[in-house]
């Protein structure tokens, strides 16, 4: 047919538009490796023939030190595109998002690539982001308390600490295990 079939054959066939947080969070929770979508300010969808092929969520930098440390006023918190999208769709999706958020007055975008999931920032390099290096600060931990995985922020909120040694001391070594995660790769993009 005129639309090129059910699967896009060129990244140029994709278009980007704002989507609701409900639609974005449902899509991201289903297809993003983390299976989560934090609350954000802006949500965008990548479409082909009115079918959602990707979603992005942008908001305040997640960790309180990141805004000051990297000089960024917005973070690409989640980004996912279906594997059946054509080559170069990711860079097209990102480039359109960058133009859209620039129009909203943002000056510098932050994005992190997580090597724990074999992500090193290939799409950010392809999209001309600036590689800053490994994330600064204490880094993240993979915590297991009483046999259940626990985010370090949750541990801090519940126990007043999130360090493996300090939690082991507080709760007992038999209740706590974990390790430091690989530091995320930091990328920025100047919008001005």
N, C-alpha and C. Protein backbone atom coordinates (compact mmCIF):
# COMPACT_ATOMS: atom_id res chain seq x y z
N UNK A 1 0.81 -1.19 0.00
CA UNK A 1 0.00 0.00 0.00
C UNK A 1 0.85 1.25 0.00
N UNK A 2 0.19 2.39 0.01
CA UNK A 2 0.85 3.69 0.01
C UNK A 2 1.70 3.92 1.24
N UNK A 3 1.32 3.31 2.36
CA UNK A 3 2.02 3.58 3.62
C UNK A 3 3.31 2.79 3.76
N UNK A 4 3.65 1.92 2.81
CA UNK A 4 4.90 1.17 2.87
C UNK A 4 4.81 -0.12 3.64
N UNK A 5 3.60 -0.57 3.99
CA UNK A 5 3.45 -1.83 4.72
C UNK A 5 3.29 -1.62 6.21
N UNK A 6 3.27 -2.73 6.93
CA UNK A 6 3.01 -2.70 8.37
C UNK A 6 4.26 -2.36 9.17
N UNK A 7 5.44 -2.57 8.59
CA UNK A 7 6.69 -2.30 9.29
C UNK A 7 7.43 -1.22 8.53
N UNK A 8 7.88 -0.17 9.24
CA UNK A 8 8.59 0.90 8.54
C UNK A 8 9.90 0.38 7.93
N UNK A 9 10.27 0.93 6.79
CA UNK A 9 11.51 0.52 6.12
C UNK A 9 12.57 1.61 6.18
N UNK A 10 12.18 2.79 6.61
CA UNK A 10 13.11 3.91 6.72
C UNK A 10 12.83 4.69 8.00
N UNK A 11 13.89 5.16 8.64
CA UNK A 11 13.72 5.98 9.85
C UNK A 11 12.92 7.25 9.54
N UNK A 12 12.96 7.69 8.29
CA UNK A 12 12.25 8.90 7.91
C UNK A 12 10.73 8.73 7.96
N UNK A 13 10.25 7.49 8.03
CA UNK A 13 8.82 7.23 8.12
C UNK A 13 8.28 7.44 9.54
N UNK A 14 9.16 7.51 10.50
CA UNK A 14 8.74 7.71 11.89
C UNK A 14 8.48 9.19 12.15
N UNK A 15 7.45 9.48 12.94
CA UNK A 15 7.22 10.85 13.37
C UNK A 15 7.09 10.85 14.88
N UNK A 16 7.36 11.99 15.48
CA UNK A 16 7.41 12.12 16.93
C UNK A 16 6.36 13.11 17.38
N UNK A 17 5.69 12.78 18.48
CA UNK A 17 4.69 13.67 19.05
C UNK A 17 4.66 13.48 20.56
N UNK A 18 4.11 14.46 21.26
CA UNK A 18 3.94 14.31 22.71
C UNK A 18 2.91 13.22 22.96
N UNK A 19 3.11 12.48 24.06
CA UNK A 19 2.15 11.47 24.48
C UNK A 19 1.88 11.66 25.97
N UNK A 20 0.80 11.08 26.44
CA UNK A 20 0.44 11.21 27.85
C UNK A 20 1.39 10.39 28.72
N UNK A 21 1.47 10.75 29.98
CA UNK A 21 2.32 9.96 30.88
C UNK A 21 1.78 8.54 31.02
N UNK A 22 0.49 8.35 30.93
CA UNK A 22 -0.09 7.01 31.03
C UNK A 22 0.37 6.12 29.87
N UNK A 23 0.29 6.64 28.66
CA UNK A 23 0.71 5.88 27.48
C UNK A 23 2.21 5.62 27.54
N UNK A 24 2.98 6.64 27.87
CA UNK A 24 4.45 6.49 27.93
C UNK A 24 4.85 5.48 28.99
N UNK A 25 4.30 5.61 30.17
CA UNK A 25 4.69 4.73 31.27
C UNK A 25 4.30 3.28 30.99
N UNK A 26 3.15 3.07 30.35
CA UNK A 26 2.72 1.71 30.00
C UNK A 26 3.69 1.10 28.97
N UNK A 27 4.02 1.86 27.93
CA UNK A 27 4.92 1.38 26.87
C UNK A 27 6.32 1.12 27.44
N UNK A 28 6.84 2.07 28.19
CA UNK A 28 8.19 1.95 28.75
C UNK A 28 8.27 0.79 29.73
N UNK A 29 7.25 0.64 30.57
CA UNK A 29 7.24 -0.47 31.53
C UNK A 29 7.22 -1.83 30.84
N UNK A 30 6.65 -1.86 29.65
CA UNK A 30 6.57 -3.09 28.88
C UNK A 30 7.85 -3.39 28.11
N UNK A 31 8.47 -2.36 27.51
CA UNK A 31 9.57 -2.60 26.57
C UNK A 31 10.96 -2.16 27.04
N UNK A 32 11.07 -1.28 28.01
CA UNK A 32 12.39 -0.83 28.47
C UNK A 32 13.01 -1.90 29.36
N UNK A 33 14.32 -2.07 29.29
CA UNK A 33 14.99 -3.12 30.07
C UNK A 33 14.75 -3.00 31.57
N UNK A 34 14.54 -1.80 32.09
CA UNK A 34 14.33 -1.61 33.53
C UNK A 34 12.91 -1.98 33.97
N UNK A 35 11.98 -2.01 33.02
CA UNK A 35 10.56 -2.29 33.27
C UNK A 35 9.91 -1.25 34.19
N UNK A 36 10.54 -0.06 34.29
CA UNK A 36 9.99 1.01 35.12
C UNK A 36 10.05 2.33 34.35
N UNK A 37 9.18 3.25 34.75
CA UNK A 37 9.21 4.60 34.20
C UNK A 37 8.93 5.58 35.33
N UNK A 38 9.94 6.35 35.73
CA UNK A 38 9.74 7.32 36.81
C UNK A 38 8.85 8.47 36.35
N UNK A 39 8.25 9.18 37.29
CA UNK A 39 7.48 10.37 36.92
C UNK A 39 8.40 11.39 36.24
N UNK A 40 7.94 11.97 35.15
CA UNK A 40 8.73 12.94 34.40
C UNK A 40 7.87 14.11 33.98
N UNK A 41 8.50 15.11 33.37
CA UNK A 41 7.78 16.31 32.90
C UNK A 41 7.29 16.18 31.47
N UNK A 42 8.07 15.48 30.64
CA UNK A 42 7.76 15.41 29.21
C UNK A 42 7.85 13.97 28.71
N UNK A 43 6.86 13.60 27.88
CA UNK A 43 6.83 12.26 27.30
C UNK A 43 6.61 12.39 25.80
N UNK A 44 7.41 11.64 25.04
CA UNK A 44 7.30 11.68 23.58
C UNK A 44 7.19 10.27 23.04
N UNK A 45 6.45 10.16 21.95
CA UNK A 45 6.30 8.87 21.29
C UNK A 45 6.83 8.93 19.87
N UNK A 46 7.38 7.82 19.40
CA UNK A 46 7.79 7.67 18.00
C UNK A 46 6.73 6.79 17.34
N UNK A 47 6.14 7.30 16.27
CA UNK A 47 5.02 6.62 15.62
C UNK A 47 5.34 6.26 14.18
N UNK A 48 4.68 5.21 13.73
CA UNK A 48 4.64 4.84 12.32
C UNK A 48 3.21 4.41 12.04
N UNK A 49 2.56 5.05 11.08
CA UNK A 49 1.14 4.75 10.78
C UNK A 49 0.26 4.75 12.03
N UNK A 50 0.47 5.73 12.89
CA UNK A 50 -0.31 5.93 14.11
C UNK A 50 -0.08 4.84 15.16
N UNK A 51 0.90 3.96 14.92
CA UNK A 51 1.24 2.91 15.89
C UNK A 51 2.49 3.34 16.65
N UNK A 52 2.44 3.22 17.97
CA UNK A 52 3.56 3.62 18.82
C UNK A 52 4.70 2.61 18.70
N UNK A 53 5.87 3.10 18.29
CA UNK A 53 7.06 2.26 18.13
C UNK A 53 8.12 2.56 19.16
N UNK A 54 7.98 3.69 19.87
CA UNK A 54 8.99 4.05 20.86
C UNK A 54 8.46 5.12 21.79
N UNK A 55 9.14 5.26 22.92
CA UNK A 55 8.74 6.28 23.89
C UNK A 55 9.98 6.81 24.60
N UNK A 56 9.88 8.07 25.01
CA UNK A 56 10.95 8.71 25.77
C UNK A 56 10.32 9.51 26.90
N UNK A 57 11.00 9.50 28.05
CA UNK A 57 10.54 10.25 29.21
C UNK A 57 11.68 11.16 29.67
N UNK A 58 11.37 12.45 29.81
CA UNK A 58 12.38 13.42 30.22
C UNK A 58 11.89 14.19 31.43
N UNK A 59 12.82 14.49 32.34
CA UNK A 59 12.46 15.23 33.54
C UNK A 59 13.68 15.79 34.22
N UNK A 60 13.47 16.27 35.44
CA UNK A 60 14.58 16.77 36.26
C UNK A 60 15.64 15.68 36.38
N UNK A 61 16.92 16.06 36.42
CA UNK A 61 17.94 15.05 36.67
C UNK A 61 17.61 14.25 37.93
N UNK A 62 17.75 12.93 37.84
CA UNK A 62 17.26 12.01 38.87
C UNK A 62 17.93 12.18 40.23
N UNK A 63 19.22 12.34 40.25
CA UNK A 63 19.95 12.46 41.51
C UNK A 63 20.21 13.93 41.79
N UNK A 64 20.05 14.34 43.03
CA UNK A 64 20.09 15.76 43.37
C UNK A 64 21.41 16.44 42.97
N UNK A 65 22.52 15.72 42.97
CA UNK A 65 23.81 16.33 42.63
C UNK A 65 24.03 16.48 41.13
N UNK A 66 23.28 15.75 40.32
CA UNK A 66 23.54 15.72 38.87
C UNK A 66 23.32 17.07 38.19
N UNK A 67 22.29 17.77 38.60
CA UNK A 67 21.96 19.05 37.96
C UNK A 67 23.15 20.01 38.09
N UNK A 68 23.69 20.10 39.29
CA UNK A 68 24.82 21.00 39.55
C UNK A 68 26.12 20.44 38.98
N UNK A 69 26.34 19.15 39.19
CA UNK A 69 27.58 18.50 38.80
C UNK A 69 27.82 18.56 37.29
N UNK A 70 26.77 18.34 36.50
CA UNK A 70 26.92 18.29 35.05
C UNK A 70 26.34 19.51 34.35
N UNK A 71 25.74 20.43 35.10
CA UNK A 71 25.19 21.66 34.52
C UNK A 71 24.02 21.43 33.60
N UNK A 72 23.23 20.39 33.86
CA UNK A 72 22.10 20.04 33.00
C UNK A 72 20.78 20.42 33.65
N UNK A 73 19.83 20.87 32.85
CA UNK A 73 18.53 21.23 33.39
C UNK A 73 17.43 20.23 33.03
N UNK A 74 17.77 19.19 32.27
CA UNK A 74 16.80 18.14 31.94
C UNK A 74 17.57 16.84 31.67
N UNK A 75 16.91 15.72 31.98
CA UNK A 75 17.53 14.41 31.77
C UNK A 75 16.62 13.52 30.93
N UNK A 76 17.23 12.81 30.00
CA UNK A 76 16.51 11.76 29.26
C UNK A 76 16.49 10.56 30.19
N UNK A 77 15.38 10.37 30.91
CA UNK A 77 15.30 9.35 31.97
C UNK A 77 15.03 7.96 31.43
N UNK A 78 14.24 7.87 30.36
CA UNK A 78 13.96 6.59 29.71
C UNK A 78 13.86 6.82 28.21
N UNK A 79 14.35 5.83 27.47
CA UNK A 79 14.31 5.89 26.00
C UNK A 79 14.24 4.46 25.50
N UNK A 80 13.22 4.17 24.71
CA UNK A 80 13.09 2.81 24.18
C UNK A 80 12.41 2.87 22.81
N UNK A 81 12.87 2.00 21.93
CA UNK A 81 12.31 1.89 20.59
C UNK A 81 12.22 0.40 20.27
N UNK A 82 11.14 -0.02 19.64
CA UNK A 82 10.99 -1.43 19.30
C UNK A 82 12.12 -1.86 18.36
N UNK A 83 12.55 -3.09 18.51
CA UNK A 83 13.65 -3.62 17.70
C UNK A 83 13.34 -3.67 16.21
N UNK A 84 12.05 -3.71 15.85
CA UNK A 84 11.69 -3.77 14.43
C UNK A 84 11.78 -2.41 13.74
N UNK A 85 12.05 -1.35 14.49
CA UNK A 85 12.21 -0.03 13.87
C UNK A 85 13.44 -0.06 12.96
N UNK A 86 13.39 0.65 11.84
CA UNK A 86 14.51 0.63 10.89
C UNK A 86 15.80 1.23 11.47
N UNK A 87 16.89 0.92 10.81
CA UNK A 87 18.20 1.46 11.15
C UNK A 87 18.12 2.99 11.23
N UNK A 88 18.81 3.55 12.17
CA UNK A 88 18.90 5.01 12.40
C UNK A 88 17.64 5.62 13.03
N UNK A 89 16.67 4.79 13.40
CA UNK A 89 15.46 5.32 14.03
C UNK A 89 15.75 5.95 15.38
N UNK A 90 16.66 5.35 16.14
CA UNK A 90 16.99 5.89 17.46
C UNK A 90 17.56 7.30 17.34
N UNK A 91 18.52 7.49 16.43
CA UNK A 91 19.13 8.81 16.29
C UNK A 91 18.13 9.83 15.75
N UNK A 92 17.23 9.39 14.87
CA UNK A 92 16.19 10.31 14.38
C UNK A 92 15.25 10.71 15.52
N UNK A 93 14.81 9.73 16.31
CA UNK A 93 13.92 9.98 17.44
C UNK A 93 14.59 10.97 18.40
N UNK A 94 15.84 10.72 18.75
CA UNK A 94 16.55 11.60 19.67
C UNK A 94 16.71 13.01 19.08
N UNK A 95 17.07 13.11 17.81
CA UNK A 95 17.28 14.44 17.22
C UNK A 95 16.00 15.27 17.23
N UNK A 96 14.86 14.63 17.00
CA UNK A 96 13.59 15.36 17.03
C UNK A 96 13.27 15.79 18.46
N UNK A 97 13.50 14.90 19.43
CA UNK A 97 13.26 15.25 20.83
C UNK A 97 14.14 16.43 21.24
N UNK A 98 15.41 16.42 20.82
CA UNK A 98 16.32 17.52 21.16
C UNK A 98 15.78 18.85 20.63
N UNK A 99 15.27 18.86 19.40
CA UNK A 99 14.69 20.09 18.84
C UNK A 99 13.45 20.52 19.63
N UNK A 100 12.64 19.55 20.03
CA UNK A 100 11.40 19.87 20.75
C UNK A 100 11.69 20.46 22.13
N UNK A 101 12.65 19.87 22.85
CA UNK A 101 12.92 20.39 24.21
C UNK A 101 13.71 21.70 24.16
N UNK A 102 14.47 21.91 23.11
CA UNK A 102 15.16 23.20 22.94
C UNK A 102 14.12 24.32 22.83
N UNK A 103 13.03 24.06 22.10
CA UNK A 103 11.96 25.05 21.95
C UNK A 103 11.28 25.36 23.28
N UNK A 104 11.38 24.44 24.24
CA UNK A 104 10.79 24.65 25.57
C UNK A 104 11.72 25.45 26.48
N UNK A 105 12.91 25.77 25.98
CA UNK A 105 13.82 26.61 26.75
C UNK A 105 14.91 25.88 27.53
N UNK A 106 15.00 24.57 27.38
CA UNK A 106 16.06 23.84 28.08
C UNK A 106 17.41 24.12 27.42
N UNK A 107 18.46 24.06 28.24
CA UNK A 107 19.80 24.44 27.76
C UNK A 107 20.76 23.27 27.59
N UNK A 108 20.65 22.27 28.47
CA UNK A 108 21.60 21.16 28.41
C UNK A 108 20.95 19.88 28.93
N UNK A 109 21.02 18.83 28.12
CA UNK A 109 20.40 17.54 28.45
C UNK A 109 21.43 16.56 28.98
N UNK A 110 21.03 15.78 29.95
CA UNK A 110 21.85 14.72 30.54
C UNK A 110 21.25 13.37 30.19
N UNK A 111 22.10 12.40 29.89
CA UNK A 111 21.63 11.03 29.74
C UNK A 111 22.72 10.09 30.23
N UNK A 112 22.30 8.98 30.82
CA UNK A 112 23.22 8.00 31.38
C UNK A 112 23.05 6.66 30.67
N UNK A 113 24.16 6.03 30.36
CA UNK A 113 24.14 4.68 29.79
C UNK A 113 24.58 3.72 30.88
N UNK A 114 23.83 2.64 31.06
CA UNK A 114 24.08 1.72 32.17
C UNK A 114 24.83 0.47 31.71
N UNK A 115 26.13 0.38 32.03
CA UNK A 115 26.91 -0.79 31.62
C UNK A 115 26.48 -2.09 32.30
N UNK A 116 25.70 -2.00 33.38
CA UNK A 116 25.15 -3.20 34.02
C UNK A 116 24.25 -3.96 33.04
N UNK A 117 23.72 -3.24 32.04
CA UNK A 117 22.84 -3.84 31.03
C UNK A 117 23.50 -3.80 29.66
N UNK A 118 24.84 -3.75 29.64
CA UNK A 118 25.63 -3.72 28.40
C UNK A 118 25.39 -2.48 27.56
N UNK A 119 24.96 -1.40 28.18
CA UNK A 119 24.76 -0.15 27.46
C UNK A 119 25.97 0.75 27.70
N UNK A 120 26.58 1.18 26.62
CA UNK A 120 27.76 2.03 26.74
C UNK A 120 27.56 3.41 26.11
N UNK A 121 26.39 3.65 25.54
CA UNK A 121 26.10 4.97 24.97
C UNK A 121 26.28 5.07 23.48
N UNK A 122 26.21 3.96 22.78
CA UNK A 122 26.40 3.96 21.32
C UNK A 122 25.46 4.96 20.64
N UNK A 123 24.20 4.98 21.03
CA UNK A 123 23.24 5.88 20.39
C UNK A 123 23.56 7.33 20.70
N UNK A 124 24.09 7.61 21.89
CA UNK A 124 24.46 8.99 22.23
C UNK A 124 25.68 9.44 21.42
N UNK A 125 26.62 8.53 21.24
CA UNK A 125 27.80 8.84 20.41
C UNK A 125 27.33 9.12 18.98
N UNK A 126 26.42 8.29 18.47
CA UNK A 126 25.91 8.46 17.10
C UNK A 126 25.11 9.75 16.95
N UNK A 127 24.58 10.25 18.06
CA UNK A 127 23.77 11.48 18.03
C UNK A 127 24.57 12.72 18.44
N UNK A 128 25.90 12.58 18.46
CA UNK A 128 26.80 13.71 18.76
C UNK A 128 26.68 14.26 20.17
N UNK A 129 26.35 13.39 21.14
CA UNK A 129 26.38 13.80 22.54
C UNK A 129 27.84 13.91 22.96
N UNK A 130 28.08 14.65 24.03
CA UNK A 130 29.40 14.80 24.61
C UNK A 130 29.57 13.74 25.70
N UNK A 131 30.59 12.88 25.57
CA UNK A 131 30.87 11.88 26.60
C UNK A 131 31.65 12.55 27.71
N UNK A 132 31.09 12.57 28.92
CA UNK A 132 31.70 13.23 30.06
C UNK A 132 32.61 12.28 30.82
N UNK A 133 32.22 11.00 30.91
CA UNK A 133 32.99 9.99 31.65
C UNK A 133 32.06 9.17 32.52
N UNK A 134 32.64 8.47 33.49
CA UNK A 134 31.83 7.70 34.43
C UNK A 134 31.16 8.64 35.42
N UNK A 135 29.98 8.24 35.91
CA UNK A 135 29.25 9.11 36.84
C UNK A 135 30.08 9.36 38.10
N UNK A 136 29.90 10.54 38.63
CA UNK A 136 30.59 10.96 39.84
C UNK A 136 29.74 10.60 41.05
N UNK A 137 30.35 10.69 42.21
CA UNK A 137 29.61 10.44 43.44
C UNK A 137 29.81 9.02 43.92
N UNK A 138 28.94 8.60 44.82
CA UNK A 138 29.07 7.30 45.48
C UNK A 138 28.74 6.11 44.60
N UNK A 139 28.11 6.33 43.47
CA UNK A 139 27.73 5.21 42.62
C UNK A 139 26.52 4.47 43.17
N UNK A 140 26.07 3.49 42.45
CA UNK A 140 24.89 2.71 42.84
C UNK A 140 25.31 1.36 43.38
N UNK A 141 24.43 0.79 44.17
CA UNK A 141 24.68 -0.53 44.73
C UNK A 141 23.54 -1.46 44.36
N UNK A 142 23.89 -2.72 44.20
CA UNK A 142 22.90 -3.77 44.05
C UNK A 142 22.74 -4.34 45.45
N UNK A 143 21.62 -4.06 46.10
CA UNK A 143 21.39 -4.50 47.48
C UNK A 143 20.36 -5.61 47.52
N UNK A 144 20.58 -6.57 48.41
CA UNK A 144 19.61 -7.61 48.69
C UNK A 144 19.46 -7.65 50.21
N UNK A 145 18.24 -7.37 50.67
CA UNK A 145 17.95 -7.37 52.10
C UNK A 145 16.86 -8.41 52.35
N UNK A 146 17.15 -9.34 53.22
CA UNK A 146 16.22 -10.44 53.53
C UNK A 146 15.78 -11.18 52.27
N UNK A 147 16.74 -11.36 51.35
CA UNK A 147 16.49 -12.13 50.13
C UNK A 147 15.79 -11.38 49.02
N UNK A 148 15.47 -10.09 49.23
CA UNK A 148 14.75 -9.32 48.23
C UNK A 148 15.61 -8.15 47.74
N UNK A 149 15.66 -7.92 46.42
CA UNK A 149 16.41 -6.76 45.92
C UNK A 149 15.80 -5.47 46.46
N UNK A 150 16.65 -4.52 46.79
CA UNK A 150 16.20 -3.23 47.33
C UNK A 150 17.04 -2.11 46.72
N UNK A 151 16.38 -1.08 46.23
CA UNK A 151 17.08 0.07 45.69
C UNK A 151 17.77 0.80 46.83
N UNK A 152 18.93 1.37 46.56
CA UNK A 152 19.69 2.05 47.61
C UNK A 152 18.92 3.24 48.20
N UNK A 153 18.10 3.92 47.39
CA UNK A 153 17.30 5.03 47.93
C UNK A 153 16.24 4.52 48.90
N UNK A 154 15.68 3.35 48.59
CA UNK A 154 14.70 2.75 49.50
C UNK A 154 15.37 2.35 50.80
N UNK A 155 16.56 1.74 50.70
CA UNK A 155 17.30 1.34 51.90
C UNK A 155 17.59 2.55 52.77
N UNK A 156 18.00 3.65 52.14
CA UNK A 156 18.30 4.86 52.91
C UNK A 156 17.05 5.40 53.59
N UNK A 157 15.93 5.40 52.87
CA UNK A 157 14.67 5.90 53.44
C UNK A 157 14.21 5.04 54.62
N UNK A 158 14.41 3.72 54.51
CA UNK A 158 13.93 2.80 55.55
C UNK A 158 14.91 2.69 56.72
N UNK A 159 16.21 2.61 56.41
CA UNK A 159 17.21 2.31 57.45
C UNK A 159 18.15 3.46 57.76
N UNK A 160 18.08 4.56 57.00
CA UNK A 160 18.96 5.69 57.25
C UNK A 160 20.37 5.52 56.69
N UNK A 161 20.59 4.46 55.95
CA UNK A 161 21.87 4.20 55.31
C UNK A 161 21.65 3.29 54.11
N UNK A 162 22.59 3.33 53.16
CA UNK A 162 22.44 2.45 52.00
C UNK A 162 23.74 1.71 51.67
N UNK A 163 24.76 1.90 52.47
CA UNK A 163 26.01 1.20 52.26
C UNK A 163 25.89 -0.26 52.67
N UNK A 164 26.55 -1.14 51.93
CA UNK A 164 26.46 -2.58 52.21
C UNK A 164 27.02 -2.89 53.60
N UNK A 165 28.19 -2.32 53.91
CA UNK A 165 28.80 -2.57 55.23
C UNK A 165 27.96 -2.02 56.36
N UNK A 166 27.46 -0.80 56.20
CA UNK A 166 26.67 -0.19 57.28
C UNK A 166 25.34 -0.91 57.47
N UNK A 167 24.71 -1.37 56.38
CA UNK A 167 23.47 -2.15 56.51
C UNK A 167 23.74 -3.50 57.18
N UNK A 168 24.86 -4.13 56.82
CA UNK A 168 25.23 -5.41 57.43
C UNK A 168 25.45 -5.26 58.93
N UNK A 169 26.06 -4.16 59.29
CA UNK A 169 26.31 -3.88 60.72
C UNK A 169 24.99 -3.65 61.45
N UNK A 170 24.10 -2.91 60.82
CA UNK A 170 22.81 -2.57 61.42
C UNK A 170 21.86 -3.77 61.50
N UNK A 171 21.77 -4.55 60.43
CA UNK A 171 20.78 -5.62 60.33
C UNK A 171 21.35 -7.02 60.57
N UNK A 172 22.66 -7.14 60.47
CA UNK A 172 23.29 -8.46 60.57
C UNK A 172 23.74 -8.92 59.20
N UNK A 173 24.95 -9.46 59.14
CA UNK A 173 25.53 -9.85 57.85
C UNK A 173 24.70 -10.89 57.10
N UNK A 174 24.01 -11.76 57.84
CA UNK A 174 23.22 -12.81 57.18
C UNK A 174 21.99 -12.26 56.45
N UNK A 175 21.57 -11.03 56.77
CA UNK A 175 20.39 -10.43 56.15
C UNK A 175 20.70 -9.56 54.94
N UNK A 176 21.98 -9.20 54.75
CA UNK A 176 22.34 -8.23 53.72
C UNK A 176 23.43 -8.79 52.80
N UNK A 177 23.22 -8.60 51.52
CA UNK A 177 24.29 -8.89 50.56
C UNK A 177 24.21 -7.85 49.46
N UNK A 178 25.22 -7.82 48.63
CA UNK A 178 25.21 -6.86 47.53
C UNK A 178 26.60 -6.59 47.02
N UNK A 179 26.64 -5.68 46.08
CA UNK A 179 27.91 -5.26 45.49
C UNK A 179 27.71 -3.89 44.87
N UNK A 180 28.81 -3.20 44.66
CA UNK A 180 28.74 -1.93 43.95
C UNK A 180 28.50 -2.22 42.48
N UNK A 181 27.62 -1.44 41.87
CA UNK A 181 27.36 -1.59 40.44
C UNK A 181 28.43 -0.86 39.64
N UNK A 182 28.55 -1.23 38.37
CA UNK A 182 29.42 -0.49 37.47
C UNK A 182 28.88 0.94 37.36
N UNK A 183 29.77 1.89 37.30
CA UNK A 183 29.34 3.29 37.19
C UNK A 183 28.75 3.55 35.81
N UNK A 184 27.67 4.31 35.79
CA UNK A 184 27.02 4.65 34.53
C UNK A 184 27.89 5.60 33.73
N UNK A 185 27.72 5.56 32.40
CA UNK A 185 28.44 6.44 31.48
C UNK A 185 27.59 7.70 31.31
N UNK A 186 28.23 8.86 31.47
CA UNK A 186 27.52 10.13 31.44
C UNK A 186 27.70 10.82 30.09
N UNK A 187 26.57 11.24 29.51
CA UNK A 187 26.56 11.96 28.25
C UNK A 187 25.73 13.23 28.43
N UNK A 188 26.16 14.30 27.77
CA UNK A 188 25.39 15.54 27.79
C UNK A 188 25.23 16.04 26.35
N UNK A 189 24.24 16.90 26.17
CA UNK A 189 24.02 17.53 24.87
C UNK A 189 23.66 18.99 25.11
N UNK A 190 24.46 19.90 24.55
CA UNK A 190 24.20 21.34 24.66
C UNK A 190 23.10 21.72 23.67
N UNK A 191 22.05 22.33 24.18
CA UNK A 191 20.91 22.70 23.35
C UNK A 191 21.00 24.16 22.88
N UNK A 192 21.93 24.92 23.44
CA UNK A 192 22.07 26.34 23.05
C UNK A 192 23.36 26.55 22.27
